[in-house]
């Protein structure tokens, strides 16, 4: 693996947690998860937390300052943005 440290926004969701598992399986030295846990679940990260260097931050990816602070602190080489808002909520409250 060329890159060793990653940040996964939405990493506790269905797709994000599978990416986190894959990164750990492929030998990532550090995987940082940022998730608001509105849809994500800590149970989705169980395997990765037990088998890799996974750091979890409960933050909302819409809060740019929080994301910037985590990037500055954790210094990931690659950032994946898999954070989503459910479609139903998007129609009800587009902000």
N, C-alpha and C. Protein backbone atom coordinates (compact mmCIF):
# COMPACT_ATOMS: atom_id res chain seq x y z
N UNK A 1 0.85 -1.17 0.00
CA UNK A 1 0.00 0.00 0.00
C UNK A 1 0.89 1.24 0.00
N UNK A 2 0.67 2.13 -0.93
CA UNK A 2 1.48 3.34 -1.06
C UNK A 2 1.24 4.29 0.10
N UNK A 3 -0.03 4.51 0.44
CA UNK A 3 -0.38 5.43 1.52
C UNK A 3 -0.61 4.63 2.80
N UNK A 4 -0.32 5.24 3.94
CA UNK A 4 -0.40 4.53 5.21
C UNK A 4 -1.44 5.07 6.18
N UNK A 5 -1.87 6.33 5.98
CA UNK A 5 -2.84 6.90 6.92
C UNK A 5 -4.03 7.49 6.17
N UNK A 6 -5.21 7.24 6.71
CA UNK A 6 -6.45 7.57 6.02
C UNK A 6 -7.45 8.20 6.97
N UNK A 7 -8.30 9.06 6.42
CA UNK A 7 -9.45 9.60 7.13
C UNK A 7 -10.68 9.21 6.33
N UNK A 8 -11.65 8.59 7.00
CA UNK A 8 -12.89 8.18 6.34
C UNK A 8 -14.05 8.93 6.98
N UNK A 9 -14.58 9.92 6.26
CA UNK A 9 -15.77 10.62 6.72
C UNK A 9 -16.96 9.70 6.48
N UNK A 10 -17.80 9.51 7.48
CA UNK A 10 -18.89 8.56 7.35
C UNK A 10 -18.41 7.13 7.50
N UNK A 11 -17.32 6.94 8.21
CA UNK A 11 -16.69 5.63 8.32
C UNK A 11 -17.42 4.60 9.16
N UNK A 12 -18.46 4.99 9.89
CA UNK A 12 -19.21 4.03 10.69
C UNK A 12 -20.49 3.59 10.00
N UNK A 13 -20.74 4.10 8.81
CA UNK A 13 -21.91 3.70 8.04
C UNK A 13 -21.65 2.39 7.31
N UNK A 14 -22.63 1.94 6.54
CA UNK A 14 -22.52 0.66 5.85
C UNK A 14 -21.33 0.63 4.89
N UNK A 15 -21.28 1.55 3.97
CA UNK A 15 -20.19 1.57 2.98
C UNK A 15 -18.88 1.97 3.64
N UNK A 16 -18.92 3.01 4.46
CA UNK A 16 -17.70 3.50 5.11
C UNK A 16 -17.02 2.46 5.97
N UNK A 17 -17.81 1.70 6.73
CA UNK A 17 -17.21 0.69 7.61
C UNK A 17 -16.57 -0.44 6.81
N UNK A 18 -17.12 -0.76 5.65
CA UNK A 18 -16.49 -1.77 4.80
C UNK A 18 -15.16 -1.26 4.25
N UNK A 19 -15.11 0.02 3.92
CA UNK A 19 -13.84 0.62 3.48
C UNK A 19 -12.83 0.60 4.62
N UNK A 20 -13.26 0.95 5.82
CA UNK A 20 -12.36 0.92 6.98
C UNK A 20 -11.80 -0.49 7.18
N UNK A 21 -12.66 -1.50 7.12
CA UNK A 21 -12.20 -2.89 7.24
C UNK A 21 -11.16 -3.22 6.16
N UNK A 22 -11.43 -2.83 4.93
CA UNK A 22 -10.51 -3.12 3.82
C UNK A 22 -9.17 -2.43 4.03
N UNK A 23 -9.18 -1.18 4.47
CA UNK A 23 -7.93 -0.47 4.71
C UNK A 23 -7.11 -1.16 5.79
N UNK A 24 -7.76 -1.60 6.85
CA UNK A 24 -7.06 -2.33 7.92
C UNK A 24 -6.50 -3.64 7.37
N UNK A 25 -7.30 -4.38 6.62
CA UNK A 25 -6.84 -5.66 6.04
C UNK A 25 -5.66 -5.46 5.10
N UNK A 26 -5.62 -4.32 4.40
CA UNK A 26 -4.54 -4.05 3.45
C UNK A 26 -3.30 -3.46 4.10
N UNK A 27 -3.33 -3.29 5.43
CA UNK A 27 -2.12 -2.87 6.13
C UNK A 27 -1.98 -1.39 6.44
N UNK A 28 -3.07 -0.66 6.44
CA UNK A 28 -3.00 0.76 6.80
C UNK A 28 -2.43 0.90 8.21
N UNK A 29 -1.53 1.85 8.38
CA UNK A 29 -0.95 2.09 9.70
C UNK A 29 -1.92 2.81 10.62
N UNK A 30 -2.76 3.68 10.03
CA UNK A 30 -3.74 4.41 10.84
C UNK A 30 -4.96 4.72 9.98
N UNK A 31 -6.14 4.43 10.54
CA UNK A 31 -7.39 4.79 9.89
C UNK A 31 -8.19 5.62 10.88
N UNK A 32 -8.49 6.85 10.48
CA UNK A 32 -9.26 7.76 11.33
C UNK A 32 -10.68 7.80 10.77
N UNK A 33 -11.64 7.60 11.64
CA UNK A 33 -13.05 7.63 11.27
C UNK A 33 -13.68 8.88 11.86
N UNK A 34 -14.38 9.63 11.03
CA UNK A 34 -15.18 10.76 11.50
C UNK A 34 -16.62 10.44 11.12
N UNK A 35 -17.50 10.38 12.11
CA UNK A 35 -18.89 10.05 11.86
C UNK A 35 -19.76 10.73 12.90
N UNK A 36 -20.93 11.19 12.49
CA UNK A 36 -21.87 11.81 13.44
C UNK A 36 -22.70 10.74 14.15
N UNK A 37 -22.69 9.52 13.63
CA UNK A 37 -23.46 8.40 14.16
C UNK A 37 -24.96 8.62 14.07
N UNK A 38 -25.39 9.48 13.15
CA UNK A 38 -26.83 9.62 12.91
C UNK A 38 -27.33 8.40 12.13
N UNK A 39 -26.50 7.87 11.26
CA UNK A 39 -26.80 6.63 10.54
C UNK A 39 -25.78 5.54 10.86
N UNK A 40 -24.55 5.94 11.12
CA UNK A 40 -23.49 4.98 11.40
C UNK A 40 -23.66 4.34 12.77
N UNK A 41 -22.93 3.25 12.96
CA UNK A 41 -23.04 2.50 14.21
C UNK A 41 -21.66 1.99 14.60
N UNK A 42 -21.33 2.14 15.86
CA UNK A 42 -20.03 1.68 16.36
C UNK A 42 -19.86 0.18 16.14
N UNK A 43 -20.95 -0.57 16.14
CA UNK A 43 -20.88 -2.02 15.90
C UNK A 43 -20.27 -2.32 14.53
N UNK A 44 -20.48 -1.43 13.57
CA UNK A 44 -19.92 -1.63 12.23
C UNK A 44 -18.40 -1.57 12.23
N UNK A 45 -17.82 -0.98 13.27
CA UNK A 45 -16.36 -0.81 13.35
C UNK A 45 -15.69 -1.84 14.25
N UNK A 46 -16.46 -2.77 14.79
CA UNK A 46 -15.94 -3.73 15.77
C UNK A 46 -14.69 -4.44 15.28
N UNK A 47 -14.75 -5.05 14.10
CA UNK A 47 -13.61 -5.81 13.60
C UNK A 47 -12.39 -4.91 13.42
N UNK A 48 -12.59 -3.76 12.80
CA UNK A 48 -11.47 -2.85 12.52
C UNK A 48 -10.84 -2.35 13.82
N UNK A 49 -11.66 -2.03 14.81
CA UNK A 49 -11.13 -1.55 16.10
C UNK A 49 -10.31 -2.63 16.80
N UNK A 50 -10.71 -3.88 16.63
CA UNK A 50 -9.99 -5.00 17.26
C UNK A 50 -8.73 -5.40 16.51
N UNK A 51 -8.65 -5.05 15.23
CA UNK A 51 -7.56 -5.56 14.39
C UNK A 51 -6.64 -4.50 13.79
N UNK A 52 -6.91 -3.24 14.01
CA UNK A 52 -6.08 -2.20 13.42
C UNK A 52 -5.97 -0.98 14.30
N UNK A 53 -5.18 -0.03 13.86
CA UNK A 53 -5.05 1.24 14.55
C UNK A 53 -6.12 2.17 14.01
N UNK A 54 -7.30 2.11 14.62
CA UNK A 54 -8.45 2.88 14.18
C UNK A 54 -8.81 3.88 15.27
N UNK A 55 -8.92 5.13 14.87
CA UNK A 55 -9.26 6.22 15.79
C UNK A 55 -10.61 6.76 15.36
N UNK A 56 -11.54 6.89 16.31
CA UNK A 56 -12.90 7.33 15.99
C UNK A 56 -13.16 8.71 16.59
N UNK A 57 -13.68 9.61 15.76
CA UNK A 57 -14.09 10.94 16.20
C UNK A 57 -15.58 11.09 15.92
N UNK A 58 -16.36 11.42 16.94
CA UNK A 58 -17.79 11.67 16.74
C UNK A 58 -17.96 13.15 16.41
N UNK A 59 -18.08 13.43 15.14
CA UNK A 59 -18.23 14.80 14.63
C UNK A 59 -19.12 14.76 13.39
N UNK A 60 -19.71 15.88 13.07
CA UNK A 60 -20.53 16.01 11.87
C UNK A 60 -19.64 16.56 10.75
N UNK A 61 -19.59 15.86 9.63
CA UNK A 61 -18.74 16.27 8.51
C UNK A 61 -19.17 17.61 7.91
N UNK A 62 -20.37 18.08 8.24
CA UNK A 62 -20.81 19.39 7.75
C UNK A 62 -20.14 20.53 8.50
N UNK A 63 -19.52 20.22 9.64
CA UNK A 63 -18.85 21.25 10.44
C UNK A 63 -17.39 21.32 10.00
N UNK A 64 -17.12 22.22 9.09
CA UNK A 64 -15.82 22.33 8.45
C UNK A 64 -14.68 22.51 9.45
N UNK A 65 -14.89 23.31 10.48
CA UNK A 65 -13.83 23.54 11.46
C UNK A 65 -13.44 22.25 12.16
N UNK A 66 -14.42 21.42 12.50
CA UNK A 66 -14.13 20.13 13.14
C UNK A 66 -13.32 19.24 12.21
N UNK A 67 -13.71 19.19 10.94
CA UNK A 67 -12.99 18.37 9.96
C UNK A 67 -11.56 18.89 9.80
N UNK A 68 -11.41 20.20 9.68
CA UNK A 68 -10.07 20.79 9.53
C UNK A 68 -9.20 20.47 10.74
N UNK A 69 -9.76 20.57 11.95
CA UNK A 69 -8.99 20.27 13.16
C UNK A 69 -8.54 18.82 13.20
N UNK A 70 -9.41 17.91 12.80
CA UNK A 70 -9.04 16.49 12.79
C UNK A 70 -7.97 16.23 11.74
N UNK A 71 -8.09 16.84 10.57
CA UNK A 71 -7.06 16.67 9.54
C UNK A 71 -5.72 17.21 10.03
N UNK A 72 -5.75 18.37 10.68
CA UNK A 72 -4.51 18.96 11.20
C UNK A 72 -3.88 18.07 12.28
N UNK A 73 -4.71 17.52 13.15
CA UNK A 73 -4.21 16.70 14.26
C UNK A 73 -3.74 15.32 13.80
N UNK A 74 -4.54 14.67 12.94
CA UNK A 74 -4.26 13.28 12.56
C UNK A 74 -3.36 13.15 11.33
N UNK A 75 -3.30 14.18 10.51
CA UNK A 75 -2.45 14.23 9.31
C UNK A 75 -2.63 13.03 8.37
N UNK A 76 -3.86 12.76 7.92
CA UNK A 76 -4.05 11.65 6.98
C UNK A 76 -3.44 11.99 5.62
N UNK A 77 -2.99 10.96 4.94
CA UNK A 77 -2.46 11.14 3.58
C UNK A 77 -3.59 11.13 2.56
N UNK A 78 -4.68 10.42 2.88
CA UNK A 78 -5.81 10.29 1.97
C UNK A 78 -7.10 10.51 2.77
N UNK A 79 -8.04 11.24 2.16
CA UNK A 79 -9.35 11.45 2.79
C UNK A 79 -10.43 10.90 1.86
N UNK A 80 -11.29 10.05 2.42
CA UNK A 80 -12.46 9.53 1.71
C UNK A 80 -13.70 10.18 2.32
N UNK A 81 -14.55 10.77 1.50
CA UNK A 81 -15.78 11.37 2.01
C UNK A 81 -16.96 10.48 1.64
N UNK A 82 -17.39 9.66 2.60
CA UNK A 82 -18.55 8.79 2.42
C UNK A 82 -19.69 9.21 3.34
N UNK A 83 -19.58 10.41 3.89
CA UNK A 83 -20.63 10.92 4.77
C UNK A 83 -21.84 11.30 3.93
N UNK A 84 -23.01 10.86 4.36
CA UNK A 84 -24.24 11.15 3.63
C UNK A 84 -25.34 11.55 4.61
N UNK A 85 -26.31 12.22 4.06
CA UNK A 85 -27.52 12.54 4.79
C UNK A 85 -28.62 11.73 4.12
N UNK A 86 -29.47 11.05 4.89
CA UNK A 86 -30.52 10.23 4.26
C UNK A 86 -31.37 11.07 3.30
N UNK A 87 -31.74 10.48 2.20
CA UNK A 87 -32.50 11.19 1.17
C UNK A 87 -33.77 11.81 1.74
N UNK A 88 -34.48 11.08 2.59
CA UNK A 88 -35.71 11.59 3.16
C UNK A 88 -35.45 12.89 3.91
N UNK A 89 -34.40 12.92 4.74
CA UNK A 89 -34.06 14.12 5.48
C UNK A 89 -33.64 15.24 4.54
N UNK A 90 -33.00 14.89 3.46
CA UNK A 90 -32.55 15.89 2.50
C UNK A 90 -33.73 16.64 1.89
N UNK A 91 -34.82 15.93 1.67
CA UNK A 91 -36.01 16.58 1.12
C UNK A 91 -36.72 17.42 2.18
N UNK A 92 -36.78 16.91 3.41
CA UNK A 92 -37.47 17.61 4.50
C UNK A 92 -36.70 18.83 4.95
N UNK A 93 -35.38 18.67 5.11
CA UNK A 93 -34.54 19.74 5.64
C UNK A 93 -33.27 19.84 4.79
N UNK A 94 -33.33 20.52 3.64
CA UNK A 94 -32.20 20.53 2.71
C UNK A 94 -30.92 21.16 3.25
N UNK A 95 -31.00 21.88 4.33
CA UNK A 95 -29.79 22.47 4.91
C UNK A 95 -29.10 21.44 5.75
